[in-house]
Amino acid sequence: MSPYDDYRRNVAVVFVSSSGGVLPDVQAVADGWPDEASRQWVVADADDTRARLAGSAVEFWEEPTIGTSMLKTTIRAAKVIRRLDAKWVVSAGTAIALPWFVAARVLGVRTLWIETLNIHGTQGRVAAICSRLAYRTVVQRPDRLVAHKRSVLLGELQ
């Protein structure tokens, strides 16, 4: 089953990403998403994200830290999801993705987690949580299909 199976025209999609190495993976999936989709980016503010996403609809968010209120951030994410009437939240990001995946789950919005190529063995905590919350997980190597119940092999993205 493809992550786009229930795609409808003009559906709103929120692409959430940290800066750095995960951004190109999320951008590759965004580039393959149907053109009619309404795309909103939520990314960590950094020079590389500003350059890569120039001309896109972007909201810059801080990466959550230990001192960040996860509840407040999740509520804020839920408000954006509702405002956009988003049908999908897509991410490979680190801590920035967690409140979005929790909010999406509570609101019944589908999520797509992108497992990055650098995963060999155990995932990080946020990746493990987000992949469990995800409607589908995209993997880039066949050997990673067994790591996720609802995974789809997409192949190398970059």
Protein backbone atom coordinates (compact mmCIF):
# COMPACT_ATOMS: atom_id res chain seq x y z
CA MET A 1 0.00 0.00 0.00
CA SER A 2 1.33 3.39 -1.00
CA PRO A 3 1.37 6.27 1.48
CA TYR A 4 -0.62 8.23 -1.12
CA ASP A 5 -3.51 5.70 -1.44
CA ASP A 6 -6.19 7.92 -0.01
CA TYR A 7 -4.80 11.12 -1.47
CA ARG A 8 -7.43 13.68 -2.45
CA ARG A 9 -6.92 16.85 -4.51
CA ASN A 10 -5.99 19.98 -2.59
CA VAL A 11 -5.32 18.07 0.60
CA ALA A 12 -3.20 20.00 3.08
CA VAL A 13 0.09 18.41 4.05
CA VAL A 14 2.43 19.62 6.80
CA PHE A 15 6.07 18.68 6.28
CA VAL A 16 7.98 18.90 9.58
CA SER A 17 11.76 18.80 9.72
CA SER A 18 14.83 19.58 11.68
CA SER A 19 17.66 21.25 9.83
CA GLY A 20 20.61 19.34 8.48
CA GLY A 21 20.66 15.79 7.17
CA VAL A 22 16.99 14.87 7.61
CA LEU A 23 15.69 17.86 5.63
CA PRO A 24 16.72 16.45 2.22
CA ASP A 25 14.83 13.21 2.97
CA VAL A 26 11.65 15.09 3.87
CA GLN A 27 12.11 17.35 0.86
CA ALA A 28 12.48 14.32 -1.44
CA VAL A 29 9.14 12.94 -0.23
CA ALA A 30 7.56 16.42 -0.51
CA ASP A 31 8.80 16.69 -4.09
CA GLY A 32 7.13 13.35 -4.86
CA TRP A 33 3.84 14.29 -3.24
CA PRO A 34 1.06 15.06 -5.75
CA ASP A 35 1.34 18.59 -7.13
CA GLU A 36 -2.18 19.59 -6.18
CA ALA A 37 -1.40 19.29 -2.47
CA SER A 38 -1.35 22.38 -0.31
CA ARG A 39 2.06 22.23 1.36
CA GLN A 40 3.11 23.83 4.62
CA TRP A 41 6.62 23.45 5.99
CA VAL A 42 7.37 23.60 9.71
CA VAL A 43 11.11 23.56 10.23
CA ALA A 44 13.84 24.41 12.67
CA ASP A 45 15.24 27.83 11.82
CA ALA A 46 18.70 27.49 10.33
CA ASP A 47 20.55 28.87 7.33
CA ASP A 48 20.32 25.57 5.43
CA THR A 49 16.53 25.33 5.88
CA ARG A 50 16.05 28.92 4.76
CA ALA A 51 18.13 28.29 1.64
CA ARG A 52 16.58 24.91 0.73
CA LEU A 53 13.00 26.05 1.25
CA ALA A 54 13.20 29.54 -0.24
CA GLY A 55 9.90 30.33 -1.91
CA SER A 56 7.95 27.67 0.03
CA ALA A 57 5.28 28.22 2.68
CA VAL A 58 7.41 27.94 5.83
CA GLU A 59 6.89 28.43 9.56
CA PHE A 60 10.05 28.38 11.63
CA TRP A 61 9.81 26.65 15.00
CA GLU A 62 12.38 26.05 17.69
CA GLU A 63 13.55 22.49 18.25
CA PRO A 64 11.98 21.34 21.54
CA THR A 65 14.43 20.89 24.38
CA ILE A 66 14.21 19.41 27.85
CA GLY A 67 13.05 22.80 29.11
CA THR A 68 10.34 23.09 26.43
CA SER A 69 6.80 22.33 27.45
CA MET A 70 5.86 19.42 25.21
CA LEU A 71 2.20 19.93 26.07
CA LYS A 72 2.25 23.58 24.96
CA THR A 73 4.11 22.69 21.77
CA THR A 74 1.66 19.86 21.01
CA ILE A 75 -1.31 22.18 21.53
CA ARG A 76 0.32 24.76 19.25
CA ALA A 77 0.88 22.08 16.59
CA ALA A 78 -2.74 20.94 16.91
CA LYS A 79 -3.93 24.50 16.29
CA VAL A 80 -1.89 24.71 13.09
CA ILE A 81 -3.14 21.31 11.90
CA ARG A 82 -6.74 22.42 12.48
CA ARG A 83 -6.21 25.83 10.89
CA LEU A 84 -4.80 24.21 7.74
CA ASP A 85 -7.30 21.34 7.86
CA ALA A 86 -4.25 19.15 7.28
CA LYS A 87 -4.83 15.54 6.26
CA TRP A 88 -1.18 14.45 6.56
CA VAL A 89 1.85 15.27 8.71
CA VAL A 90 5.13 14.04 7.21
CA SER A 91 8.51 14.06 8.95
CA ALA A 92 11.93 12.53 9.43
CA GLY A 93 12.88 15.24 11.89
CA THR A 94 14.06 14.70 15.39
CA ALA A 95 12.53 16.38 18.44
CA ILE A 96 10.56 18.89 16.36
CA ALA A 97 8.44 16.03 14.94
CA LEU A 98 7.21 14.57 18.23
CA PRO A 99 4.56 17.17 19.17
CA TRP A 100 3.27 17.14 15.59
CA PHE A 101 2.86 13.36 15.57
CA VAL A 102 1.13 13.38 18.96
CA ALA A 103 -1.21 16.20 17.87
CA ALA A 104 -1.95 14.47 14.56
CA ARG A 105 -2.73 11.20 16.34
CA VAL A 106 -5.14 12.91 18.75
CA LEU A 107 -6.84 14.73 15.83
CA GLY A 108 -7.06 11.64 13.62
CA VAL A 109 -4.68 13.06 11.00
CA ARG A 110 -2.53 10.56 9.12
CA THR A 111 1.22 10.67 9.59
CA LEU A 112 4.12 9.46 7.51
CA TRP A 113 7.46 8.84 9.22
CA ILE A 114 10.56 8.75 7.00
CA GLU A 115 13.32 6.56 8.35
CA THR A 116 16.65 8.00 7.32
CA LEU A 117 19.41 5.93 5.73
CA ASN A 118 21.70 6.37 8.72
CA ILE A 119 19.57 3.99 10.84
CA HIS A 120 21.51 0.81 11.51
CA GLY A 121 20.12 -1.15 14.42
CA THR A 122 18.36 0.80 17.14
CA GLN A 123 16.55 4.05 16.35
CA GLY A 124 16.73 7.12 18.53
CA ARG A 125 13.92 7.69 21.05
CA VAL A 126 11.97 10.25 19.02
CA ALA A 127 12.26 8.18 15.83
CA ALA A 128 11.01 5.10 17.67
CA ILE A 129 8.01 6.97 19.10
CA CYS A 130 7.12 8.72 15.84
CA SER A 131 7.42 5.55 13.79
CA ARG A 132 5.05 3.81 16.23
CA LEU A 133 2.58 6.69 16.00
CA ALA A 134 2.83 6.81 12.21
CA TYR A 135 0.10 5.63 9.88
CA ARG A 136 2.94 4.52 7.58
CA THR A 137 6.71 4.48 7.86
CA VAL A 138 8.83 4.88 4.75
CA VAL A 139 12.09 2.94 4.80
CA GLN A 140 14.96 3.28 2.38
CA ARG A 141 16.47 -0.21 2.69
CA PRO A 142 14.68 -3.59 2.38
CA ASP A 143 16.22 -4.91 5.61
CA ARG A 144 14.39 -2.16 7.57
CA LEU A 145 10.90 -3.40 6.56
CA VAL A 146 10.91 -5.87 9.45
CA ALA A 147 11.55 -3.06 11.95
CA HIS A 148 8.13 -1.45 11.35
CA LYS A 149 4.66 -2.98 11.22
CA ARG A 150 3.25 -0.51 8.69
CA SER A 151 6.24 0.21 6.51
CA VAL A 152 6.69 0.88 2.81
CA LEU A 153 9.98 0.49 0.94
CA LEU A 154 10.62 3.66 -1.00
CA GLY A 155 14.31 3.23 -1.69
CA GLU A 156 17.09 5.74 -1.30
CA LEU A 157 15.80 9.29 -1.27
CA GLN A 158 18.98 11.30 -1.72
